[in-house]
Amino acid sequence: MKKTFIKKEVRPRREIFPDKADYAAEAATLVFLLIIFIMVLTGYGSLPDLIPMHFNFEGKVDSTGGKINIFILPVISLVMYFFLTVIQRFPHTFNYPVKITEENASYQYHTAVKMIRYLKLIIILEFGLITAAILTDTYNSYLNPVYPTIVFLICTTVLIIRYLMKASSGSKIRKED
């Protein structure tokens, strides 16, 4: 029996240099990540034994759990931050809407890495808002987590569509920094 192999595309590797917007997005993401942990650590001691863990589409609590569960979202946020930070270092392995060539590699890689940075920021913001909703609902305050989730979905969709449009028109060549 003859084995068939799919020829793997060999793409050029480029070092991607962040611009000011990249540094700002990265800094904002780290600040929001820190805020999530600060919110949880400062609020943990005064939490009741049971806290809200899930909200329905109306923003009402439909599941509760032990207060130790408040650490789930910050830990997931941290893991996602590190995972996305690591994968953004390997843009030559991403899937692209266009063929990667020597001429467009820098532009395509920079555009894709920028999208990952903004996606990280949006995800960390969303997890922070959900954490805040859990904490405020615990104190009988009302922050409906449905609205931030809708905004998250819209922002993520807009980000991906914007990236695809920019990458597809990517015959542009980004000069090496």
N, C-alpha and C. Protein backbone atom coordinates (compact mmCIF):
# COMPACT_ATOMS: atom_id res chain seq x y z
N MET A 1 0.84 -1.17 0.00
CA MET A 1 0.00 0.00 0.00
C MET A 1 0.89 1.24 0.00
N LYS A 2 0.61 2.12 -0.90
CA LYS A 2 1.42 3.33 -1.07
C LYS A 2 0.90 4.45 -0.17
N LYS A 3 1.81 5.07 0.56
CA LYS A 3 1.44 6.19 1.42
C LYS A 3 1.55 7.48 0.64
N THR A 4 0.57 8.33 0.84
CA THR A 4 0.63 9.65 0.22
C THR A 4 0.84 10.68 1.31
N PHE A 5 1.69 11.61 1.00
CA PHE A 5 1.99 12.66 1.96
C PHE A 5 1.60 14.00 1.37
N ILE A 6 1.07 14.83 2.21
CA ILE A 6 0.76 16.18 1.77
C ILE A 6 2.02 17.00 1.97
N LYS A 7 2.42 17.65 0.91
CA LYS A 7 3.63 18.46 0.99
C LYS A 7 3.33 19.69 1.86
N LYS A 8 4.14 19.84 2.88
CA LYS A 8 3.96 20.96 3.79
C LYS A 8 4.61 22.20 3.18
N GLU A 9 3.85 23.27 3.20
CA GLU A 9 4.34 24.54 2.68
C GLU A 9 5.44 25.08 3.61
N VAL A 10 6.56 25.41 3.03
CA VAL A 10 7.66 26.00 3.81
C VAL A 10 7.52 27.52 3.69
N ARG A 11 7.31 28.15 4.82
CA ARG A 11 7.10 29.59 4.81
C ARG A 11 8.33 30.30 5.36
N PRO A 12 8.55 31.50 4.86
CA PRO A 12 9.67 32.28 5.39
C PRO A 12 9.40 32.65 6.85
N ARG A 13 10.45 32.71 7.61
CA ARG A 13 10.33 33.15 9.01
C ARG A 13 10.78 34.60 9.09
N ARG A 14 10.05 35.36 9.86
CA ARG A 14 10.38 36.77 10.04
C ARG A 14 10.27 37.11 11.51
N GLU A 15 11.12 38.00 11.95
CA GLU A 15 10.97 38.54 13.30
C GLU A 15 9.98 39.68 13.20
N ILE A 16 8.97 39.64 14.04
CA ILE A 16 7.93 40.67 14.01
C ILE A 16 8.21 41.66 15.13
N PHE A 17 8.38 42.91 14.74
CA PHE A 17 8.67 43.96 15.71
C PHE A 17 7.38 44.70 16.05
N PRO A 18 7.03 44.73 17.34
CA PRO A 18 5.80 45.42 17.74
C PRO A 18 5.90 46.93 17.52
N ASP A 19 4.76 47.53 17.17
CA ASP A 19 4.72 48.98 17.08
C ASP A 19 4.11 49.53 18.37
N LYS A 20 3.89 50.84 18.43
CA LYS A 20 3.38 51.46 19.66
C LYS A 20 2.01 50.91 20.05
N ALA A 21 1.15 50.68 19.07
CA ALA A 21 -0.18 50.14 19.36
C ALA A 21 -0.07 48.73 19.94
N ASP A 22 0.89 47.95 19.46
CA ASP A 22 1.10 46.60 19.99
C ASP A 22 1.53 46.66 21.45
N TYR A 23 2.48 47.55 21.75
CA TYR A 23 2.93 47.71 23.13
C TYR A 23 1.78 48.16 24.03
N ALA A 24 0.95 49.08 23.53
CA ALA A 24 -0.18 49.58 24.31
C ALA A 24 -1.19 48.46 24.58
N ALA A 25 -1.49 47.66 23.56
CA ALA A 25 -2.44 46.55 23.73
C ALA A 25 -1.90 45.53 24.72
N GLU A 26 -0.62 45.23 24.62
CA GLU A 26 0.01 44.26 25.52
C GLU A 26 0.00 44.79 26.96
N ALA A 27 0.31 46.07 27.14
CA ALA A 27 0.31 46.67 28.48
C ALA A 27 -1.10 46.69 29.06
N ALA A 28 -2.07 47.07 28.26
CA ALA A 28 -3.46 47.11 28.73
C ALA A 28 -3.93 45.71 29.13
N THR A 29 -3.56 44.72 28.35
CA THR A 29 -3.94 43.34 28.66
C THR A 29 -3.36 42.91 30.00
N LEU A 30 -2.09 43.21 30.22
CA LEU A 30 -1.45 42.85 31.49
C LEU A 30 -2.09 43.58 32.67
N VAL A 31 -2.42 44.86 32.47
CA VAL A 31 -3.07 45.63 33.53
C VAL A 31 -4.42 45.02 33.88
N PHE A 32 -5.22 44.69 32.87
CA PHE A 32 -6.53 44.09 33.13
C PHE A 32 -6.40 42.71 33.77
N LEU A 33 -5.40 41.95 33.37
CA LEU A 33 -5.15 40.65 33.99
C LEU A 33 -4.83 40.82 35.47
N LEU A 34 -4.01 41.80 35.77
CA LEU A 34 -3.66 42.10 37.16
C LEU A 34 -4.90 42.55 37.95
N ILE A 35 -5.73 43.36 37.32
CA ILE A 35 -6.96 43.83 37.98
C ILE A 35 -7.87 42.66 38.33
N ILE A 36 -7.97 41.68 37.43
CA ILE A 36 -8.80 40.50 37.71
C ILE A 36 -8.33 39.81 38.99
N PHE A 37 -7.01 39.60 39.08
CA PHE A 37 -6.48 38.93 40.27
C PHE A 37 -6.67 39.78 41.52
N ILE A 38 -6.48 41.08 41.40
CA ILE A 38 -6.66 41.97 42.56
C ILE A 38 -8.11 41.95 43.02
N MET A 39 -9.06 42.00 42.06
CA MET A 39 -10.48 41.95 42.43
C MET A 39 -10.80 40.68 43.22
N VAL A 40 -10.30 39.56 42.72
CA VAL A 40 -10.60 38.27 43.36
C VAL A 40 -9.92 38.17 44.73
N LEU A 41 -8.65 38.54 44.79
CA LEU A 41 -7.92 38.41 46.05
C LEU A 41 -8.47 39.34 47.13
N THR A 42 -8.85 40.55 46.74
CA THR A 42 -9.39 41.48 47.74
C THR A 42 -10.82 41.13 48.14
N GLY A 43 -11.57 40.53 47.24
CA GLY A 43 -12.96 40.20 47.54
C GLY A 43 -13.18 38.82 48.14
N TYR A 44 -12.19 37.95 48.03
CA TYR A 44 -12.36 36.55 48.44
C TYR A 44 -12.75 36.40 49.91
N GLY A 45 -12.08 37.10 50.79
CA GLY A 45 -12.32 36.95 52.22
C GLY A 45 -13.74 37.26 52.64
N SER A 46 -14.40 38.16 51.96
CA SER A 46 -15.75 38.55 52.36
C SER A 46 -16.84 37.84 51.55
N LEU A 47 -16.46 36.90 50.70
CA LEU A 47 -17.45 36.16 49.91
C LEU A 47 -18.20 35.17 50.79
N PRO A 48 -19.49 34.96 50.49
CA PRO A 48 -20.22 33.90 51.20
C PRO A 48 -19.74 32.53 50.71
N ASP A 49 -20.19 31.48 51.36
CA ASP A 49 -19.75 30.13 50.98
C ASP A 49 -20.20 29.75 49.57
N LEU A 50 -21.36 30.23 49.16
CA LEU A 50 -21.86 29.97 47.80
C LEU A 50 -21.88 31.26 47.00
N ILE A 51 -21.35 31.19 45.79
CA ILE A 51 -21.31 32.37 44.91
C ILE A 51 -21.93 32.01 43.57
N PRO A 52 -22.38 33.00 42.80
CA PRO A 52 -22.93 32.72 41.47
C PRO A 52 -21.83 32.17 40.56
N MET A 53 -22.18 31.15 39.79
CA MET A 53 -21.20 30.57 38.87
C MET A 53 -21.65 30.65 37.42
N HIS A 54 -22.94 30.78 37.21
CA HIS A 54 -23.45 30.84 35.84
C HIS A 54 -24.68 31.72 35.82
N PHE A 55 -24.83 32.45 34.72
CA PHE A 55 -25.96 33.35 34.55
C PHE A 55 -26.73 32.93 33.30
N ASN A 56 -28.07 33.06 33.34
CA ASN A 56 -28.86 32.75 32.14
C ASN A 56 -28.87 33.96 31.21
N PHE A 57 -29.63 33.88 30.13
CA PHE A 57 -29.65 34.96 29.15
C PHE A 57 -30.29 36.24 29.67
N GLU A 58 -30.99 36.15 30.77
CA GLU A 58 -31.58 37.34 31.38
C GLU A 58 -30.65 37.96 32.41
N GLY A 59 -29.49 37.31 32.63
CA GLY A 59 -28.53 37.81 33.60
C GLY A 59 -28.80 37.35 35.02
N LYS A 60 -29.73 36.41 35.17
CA LYS A 60 -30.05 35.89 36.50
C LYS A 60 -29.20 34.65 36.79
N VAL A 61 -28.82 34.50 38.04
CA VAL A 61 -27.99 33.37 38.45
C VAL A 61 -28.79 32.09 38.31
N ASP A 62 -28.22 31.10 37.59
CA ASP A 62 -28.89 29.81 37.49
C ASP A 62 -28.01 28.66 37.99
N SER A 63 -26.85 29.01 38.56
CA SER A 63 -25.97 28.00 39.14
C SER A 63 -25.05 28.68 40.15
N THR A 64 -24.83 27.99 41.25
CA THR A 64 -23.91 28.51 42.27
C THR A 64 -22.85 27.47 42.57
N GLY A 65 -21.80 27.92 43.22
CA GLY A 65 -20.71 27.01 43.59
C GLY A 65 -19.97 27.56 44.79
N GLY A 66 -19.05 26.79 45.30
CA GLY A 66 -18.25 27.22 46.44
C GLY A 66 -17.41 28.43 46.09
N LYS A 67 -17.09 29.21 47.11
CA LYS A 67 -16.38 30.46 46.84
C LYS A 67 -14.98 30.25 46.27
N ILE A 68 -14.40 29.08 46.44
CA ILE A 68 -13.08 28.79 45.86
C ILE A 68 -13.14 28.86 44.33
N ASN A 69 -14.34 28.65 43.78
CA ASN A 69 -14.52 28.69 42.33
C ASN A 69 -14.28 30.07 41.72
N ILE A 70 -14.22 31.09 42.55
CA ILE A 70 -13.97 32.44 42.04
C ILE A 70 -12.59 32.52 41.38
N PHE A 71 -11.71 31.59 41.71
CA PHE A 71 -10.36 31.59 41.13
C PHE A 71 -10.30 30.96 39.74
N ILE A 72 -11.38 30.33 39.31
CA ILE A 72 -11.37 29.66 38.00
C ILE A 72 -11.13 30.66 36.87
N LEU A 73 -11.89 31.73 36.82
CA LEU A 73 -11.75 32.69 35.71
C LEU A 73 -10.39 33.38 35.68
N PRO A 74 -9.85 33.83 36.81
CA PRO A 74 -8.51 34.42 36.75
C PRO A 74 -7.45 33.42 36.26
N VAL A 75 -7.55 32.17 36.71
CA VAL A 75 -6.57 31.17 36.27
C VAL A 75 -6.72 30.89 34.78
N ILE A 76 -7.97 30.75 34.31
CA ILE A 76 -8.18 30.54 32.87
C ILE A 76 -7.67 31.74 32.09
N SER A 77 -7.90 32.95 32.60
CA SER A 77 -7.41 34.16 31.95
C SER A 77 -5.89 34.14 31.81
N LEU A 78 -5.22 33.76 32.88
CA LEU A 78 -3.76 33.70 32.88
C LEU A 78 -3.26 32.65 31.89
N VAL A 79 -3.87 31.48 31.90
CA VAL A 79 -3.47 30.41 30.97
C VAL A 79 -3.69 30.85 29.52
N MET A 80 -4.83 31.47 29.25
CA MET A 80 -5.10 31.94 27.88
C MET A 80 -4.11 33.02 27.47
N TYR A 81 -3.80 33.93 28.39
CA TYR A 81 -2.83 34.98 28.09
C TYR A 81 -1.50 34.36 27.68
N PHE A 82 -1.00 33.42 28.48
CA PHE A 82 0.29 32.81 28.16
C PHE A 82 0.23 31.98 26.88
N PHE A 83 -0.86 31.25 26.68
CA PHE A 83 -1.01 30.44 25.47
C PHE A 83 -1.00 31.33 24.22
N LEU A 84 -1.80 32.39 24.24
CA LEU A 84 -1.85 33.28 23.08
C LEU A 84 -0.53 34.03 22.89
N THR A 85 0.14 34.37 23.98
CA THR A 85 1.45 35.03 23.88
C THR A 85 2.46 34.10 23.23
N VAL A 86 2.43 32.83 23.58
CA VAL A 86 3.36 31.87 22.98
C VAL A 86 3.05 31.67 21.50
N ILE A 87 1.79 31.46 21.15
CA ILE A 87 1.49 31.18 19.74
C ILE A 87 1.74 32.39 18.84
N GLN A 88 1.65 33.59 19.38
CA GLN A 88 1.90 34.76 18.52
C GLN A 88 3.37 34.85 18.12
N ARG A 89 4.22 34.06 18.73
CA ARG A 89 5.65 34.05 18.37
C ARG A 89 5.93 33.16 17.15
N PHE A 90 4.92 32.46 16.68
CA PHE A 90 5.10 31.54 15.56
C PHE A 90 4.12 31.82 14.43
N PRO A 91 4.12 33.05 13.91
CA PRO A 91 3.13 33.39 12.88
C PRO A 91 3.30 32.60 11.59
N HIS A 92 4.47 32.04 11.36
CA HIS A 92 4.68 31.26 10.14
C HIS A 92 3.89 29.95 10.16
N THR A 93 3.33 29.58 11.33
CA THR A 93 2.56 28.34 11.43
C THR A 93 1.05 28.58 11.35
N PHE A 94 0.62 29.83 11.29
CA PHE A 94 -0.81 30.15 11.26
C PHE A 94 -1.41 29.80 9.90
N ASN A 95 -2.74 29.72 9.88
CA ASN A 95 -3.46 29.61 8.61
C ASN A 95 -3.76 31.03 8.14
N TYR A 96 -3.61 31.26 6.85
CA TYR A 96 -3.81 32.59 6.28
C TYR A 96 -4.79 32.51 5.12
N PRO A 97 -5.51 33.61 4.86
CA PRO A 97 -6.45 33.62 3.74
C PRO A 97 -5.75 33.80 2.39
N VAL A 98 -4.45 34.02 2.40
CA VAL A 98 -3.67 34.18 1.17
C VAL A 98 -2.41 33.32 1.27
N LYS A 99 -1.81 33.07 0.13
CA LYS A 99 -0.56 32.32 0.12
C LYS A 99 0.55 33.23 0.65
N ILE A 100 1.38 32.69 1.53
CA ILE A 100 2.48 33.46 2.11
C ILE A 100 3.69 33.33 1.20
N THR A 101 4.21 34.50 0.82
CA THR A 101 5.39 34.55 -0.05
C THR A 101 6.47 35.38 0.65
N GLU A 102 7.64 35.39 0.06
CA GLU A 102 8.72 36.23 0.60
C GLU A 102 8.30 37.69 0.66
N GLU A 103 7.51 38.11 -0.34
CA GLU A 103 7.13 39.53 -0.44
C GLU A 103 6.08 39.94 0.59
N ASN A 104 5.13 39.05 0.88
CA ASN A 104 4.04 39.46 1.77
C ASN A 104 4.16 38.90 3.19
N ALA A 105 5.17 38.10 3.46
CA ALA A 105 5.29 37.43 4.76
C ALA A 105 5.31 38.41 5.93
N SER A 106 6.12 39.43 5.86
CA SER A 106 6.21 40.38 6.98
C SER A 106 4.88 41.06 7.25
N TYR A 107 4.22 41.49 6.19
CA TYR A 107 2.92 42.16 6.34
C TYR A 107 1.89 41.21 6.93
N GLN A 108 1.79 40.00 6.39
CA GLN A 108 0.81 39.03 6.85
C GLN A 108 1.08 38.62 8.30
N TYR A 109 2.32 38.38 8.63
CA TYR A 109 2.67 37.96 9.99
C TYR A 109 2.36 39.07 10.99
N HIS A 110 2.74 40.30 10.64
CA HIS A 110 2.48 41.43 11.54
C HIS A 110 0.98 41.62 11.75
N THR A 111 0.21 41.51 10.68
CA THR A 111 -1.24 41.67 10.77
C THR A 111 -1.86 40.58 11.64
N ALA A 112 -1.41 39.34 11.47
CA ALA A 112 -1.95 38.22 12.25
C ALA A 112 -1.58 38.35 13.73
N VAL A 113 -0.33 38.71 14.00
CA VAL A 113 0.11 38.85 15.39
C VAL A 113 -0.64 40.00 16.07
N LYS A 114 -0.88 41.07 15.33
CA LYS A 114 -1.64 42.20 15.89
C LYS A 114 -3.06 41.74 16.24
N MET A 115 -3.67 40.93 15.38
CA MET A 115 -5.00 40.42 15.67
C MET A 115 -4.99 39.57 16.94
N ILE A 116 -3.99 38.74 17.11
CA ILE A 116 -3.88 37.91 18.32
C ILE A 116 -3.74 38.80 19.56
N ARG A 117 -2.95 39.87 19.45
CA ARG A 117 -2.79 40.78 20.60
C ARG A 117 -4.12 41.41 21.01
N TYR A 118 -4.88 41.89 20.02
CA TYR A 118 -6.17 42.50 20.33
C TYR A 118 -7.18 41.47 20.80
N LEU A 119 -7.10 40.26 20.28
CA LEU A 119 -7.97 39.19 20.74
C LEU A 119 -7.68 38.87 22.21
N LYS A 120 -6.41 38.85 22.57
CA LYS A 120 -6.02 38.65 23.98
C LYS A 120 -6.65 39.72 24.86
N LEU A 121 -6.56 40.96 24.42
CA LEU A 121 -7.12 42.08 25.19
C LEU A 121 -8.62 41.91 25.37
N ILE A 122 -9.32 41.58 24.30
CA ILE A 122 -10.78 41.42 24.36
C ILE A 122 -11.15 40.27 25.30
N ILE A 123 -10.44 39.16 25.21
CA ILE A 123 -10.73 37.99 26.05
C ILE A 123 -10.50 38.31 27.52
N ILE A 124 -9.39 38.95 27.83
CA ILE A 124 -9.09 39.29 29.23
C ILE A 124 -10.12 40.28 29.76
N LEU A 125 -10.52 41.25 28.95
CA LEU A 125 -11.56 42.19 29.37
C LEU A 125 -12.86 41.45 29.68
N GLU A 126 -13.25 40.54 28.81
CA GLU A 126 -14.49 39.79 29.02
C GLU A 126 -14.42 38.97 30.31
N PHE A 127 -13.31 38.28 30.53
CA PHE A 127 -13.18 37.49 31.75
C PHE A 127 -13.20 38.39 32.98
N GLY A 128 -12.63 39.57 32.86
CA GLY A 128 -12.67 40.52 33.96
C GLY A 128 -14.08 40.99 34.25
N LEU A 129 -14.85 41.24 33.20
CA LEU A 129 -16.24 41.67 33.39
C LEU A 129 -17.10 40.56 33.99
N ILE A 130 -16.86 39.32 33.57
CA ILE A 130 -17.60 38.20 34.15
C ILE A 130 -17.24 38.04 35.62
N THR A 131 -15.95 38.16 35.93
CA THR A 131 -15.51 38.08 37.33
C THR A 131 -16.16 39.19 38.15
N ALA A 132 -16.20 40.39 37.61
CA ALA A 132 -16.84 41.51 38.31
C ALA A 132 -18.33 41.24 38.50
N ALA A 133 -18.97 40.64 37.49
CA ALA A 133 -20.40 40.32 37.60
C ALA A 133 -20.64 39.31 38.72
N ILE A 134 -19.77 38.31 38.80
CA ILE A 134 -19.90 37.30 39.87
C ILE A 134 -19.72 37.96 41.23
N LEU A 135 -18.70 38.79 41.35
CA LEU A 135 -18.45 39.46 42.64
C LEU A 135 -19.57 40.42 43.01
N THR A 136 -20.05 41.20 42.07
CA THR A 136 -21.09 42.18 42.40
C THR A 136 -22.42 41.51 42.66
N ASP A 137 -22.73 40.43 41.94
CA ASP A 137 -23.98 39.72 42.19
C ASP A 137 -23.95 39.09 43.57
N THR A 138 -22.78 38.66 43.99
CA THR A 138 -22.62 38.08 45.33
C THR A 138 -22.99 39.10 46.40
N TYR A 139 -22.71 40.36 46.14
CA TYR A 139 -23.01 41.42 47.11
C TYR A 139 -24.36 42.06 46.83
N ASN A 140 -25.23 41.33 46.13
CA ASN A 140 -26.59 41.78 45.80
C ASN A 140 -26.61 43.08 45.01
N SER A 141 -25.57 43.33 44.31
CA SER A 141 -25.53 44.43 43.37
C SER A 141 -25.93 43.81 42.04
N TYR A 142 -26.14 44.58 41.02
CA TYR A 142 -26.56 43.98 39.77
C TYR A 142 -25.75 44.49 38.60
N LEU A 143 -24.93 43.62 38.07
CA LEU A 143 -24.19 43.89 36.84
C LEU A 143 -24.51 42.74 35.91
N ASN A 144 -25.38 42.98 34.96
CA ASN A 144 -25.83 41.92 34.06
C ASN A 144 -24.68 41.48 33.16
N PRO A 145 -24.22 40.23 33.28
CA PRO A 145 -23.09 39.75 32.47
C PRO A 145 -23.46 39.47 31.02
N VAL A 146 -24.75 39.55 30.69
CA VAL A 146 -25.17 39.29 29.31
C VAL A 146 -24.68 40.40 28.39
N TYR A 147 -24.77 41.64 28.83
CA TYR A 147 -24.37 42.75 27.97
C TYR A 147 -22.88 42.74 27.63
N PRO A 148 -21.99 42.55 28.60
CA PRO A 148 -20.57 42.45 28.23
C PRO A 148 -20.30 41.26 27.30
N THR A 149 -21.05 40.18 27.46
CA THR A 149 -20.86 39.02 26.60
C THR A 149 -21.27 39.34 25.17
N ILE A 150 -22.36 40.06 25.01
CA ILE A 150 -22.79 40.47 23.67
C ILE A 150 -21.75 41.40 23.05
N VAL A 151 -21.26 42.34 23.83
CA VAL A 151 -20.21 43.25 23.34
C VAL A 151 -18.96 42.46 22.97
N PHE A 152 -18.60 41.47 23.79
CA PHE A 152 -17.46 40.60 23.50
C PHE A 152 -17.63 39.90 22.16
N LEU A 153 -18.80 39.32 21.93
CA LEU A 153 -19.05 38.62 20.67
C LEU A 153 -18.98 39.56 19.47
N ILE A 154 -19.54 40.74 19.63
CA ILE A 154 -19.50 41.73 18.54
C ILE A 154 -18.06 42.16 18.28
N CYS A 155 -17.32 42.50 19.33
CA CYS A 155 -15.93 42.94 19.17
C CYS A 155 -15.06 41.86 18.54
N THR A 156 -15.24 40.63 18.97
CA THR A 156 -14.46 39.52 18.42
C THR A 156 -14.79 39.33 16.94
N THR A 157 -16.07 39.37 16.61
CA THR A 157 -16.48 39.21 15.21
C THR A 157 -15.93 40.34 14.35
N VAL A 158 -16.04 41.57 14.82
CA VAL A 158 -15.52 42.72 14.07
C VAL A 158 -14.01 42.59 13.90
N LEU A 159 -13.30 42.20 14.95
CA LEU A 159 -11.85 42.03 14.89
C LEU A 159 -11.46 41.00 13.83
N ILE A 160 -12.13 39.87 13.81
CA ILE A 160 -11.80 38.82 12.85
C ILE A 160 -12.14 39.25 11.43
N ILE A 161 -13.29 39.87 11.24
CA ILE A 161 -13.66 40.34 9.89
C ILE A 161 -12.67 41.40 9.42
N ARG A 162 -12.31 42.31 10.31
CA ARG A 162 -11.33 43.36 9.95
C ARG A 162 -10.00 42.72 9.57
N TYR A 163 -9.57 41.73 10.35
CA TYR A 163 -8.32 41.04 10.04
C TYR A 163 -8.40 40.36 8.67
N LEU A 164 -9.48 39.63 8.42
CA LEU A 164 -9.61 38.92 7.15
C LEU A 164 -9.61 39.88 5.96
N MET A 165 -10.28 41.02 6.12
CA MET A 165 -10.29 42.01 5.04
C MET A 165 -8.89 42.56 4.81
N LYS A 166 -8.20 42.88 5.90
CA LYS A 166 -6.86 43.45 5.79
C LYS A 166 -5.88 42.42 5.23
N ALA A 167 -5.97 41.18 5.70
CA ALA A 167 -5.05 40.14 5.24
C ALA A 167 -5.33 39.77 3.79
N SER A 168 -6.60 39.76 3.40
CA SER A 168 -6.95 39.39 2.02
C SER A 168 -6.50 40.45 1.03
N SER A 169 -6.47 41.68 1.47
CA SER A 169 -5.97 42.74 0.59
C SER A 169 -4.46 42.85 0.74
N GLY A 170 -3.88 41.82 1.33
CA GLY A 170 -2.48 41.83 1.75
C GLY A 170 -1.44 41.71 0.68
N SER A 171 -1.70 42.25 -0.47
CA SER A 171 -0.61 42.30 -1.45
C SER A 171 0.37 43.38 -1.03
N LYS A 172 -0.02 44.13 0.03
CA LYS A 172 0.88 45.16 0.56
C LYS A 172 2.11 44.49 1.14
N ILE A 173 3.18 45.17 1.11
CA ILE A 173 4.43 44.66 1.67
C ILE A 173 4.83 45.55 2.82
N ARG A 174 4.97 44.96 3.99
CA ARG A 174 5.40 45.73 5.16
C ARG A 174 6.92 45.75 5.15
N LYS A 175 7.47 46.94 5.19
CA LYS A 175 8.93 47.06 5.23
C LYS A 175 9.46 46.52 6.54
N GLU A 176 10.62 45.90 6.47
CA GLU A 176 11.26 45.36 7.67
C GLU A 176 11.61 46.52 8.60
N ASP A 177 11.32 46.35 9.89
CA ASP A 177 11.63 47.40 10.88
C ASP A 177 13.09 47.36 11.24
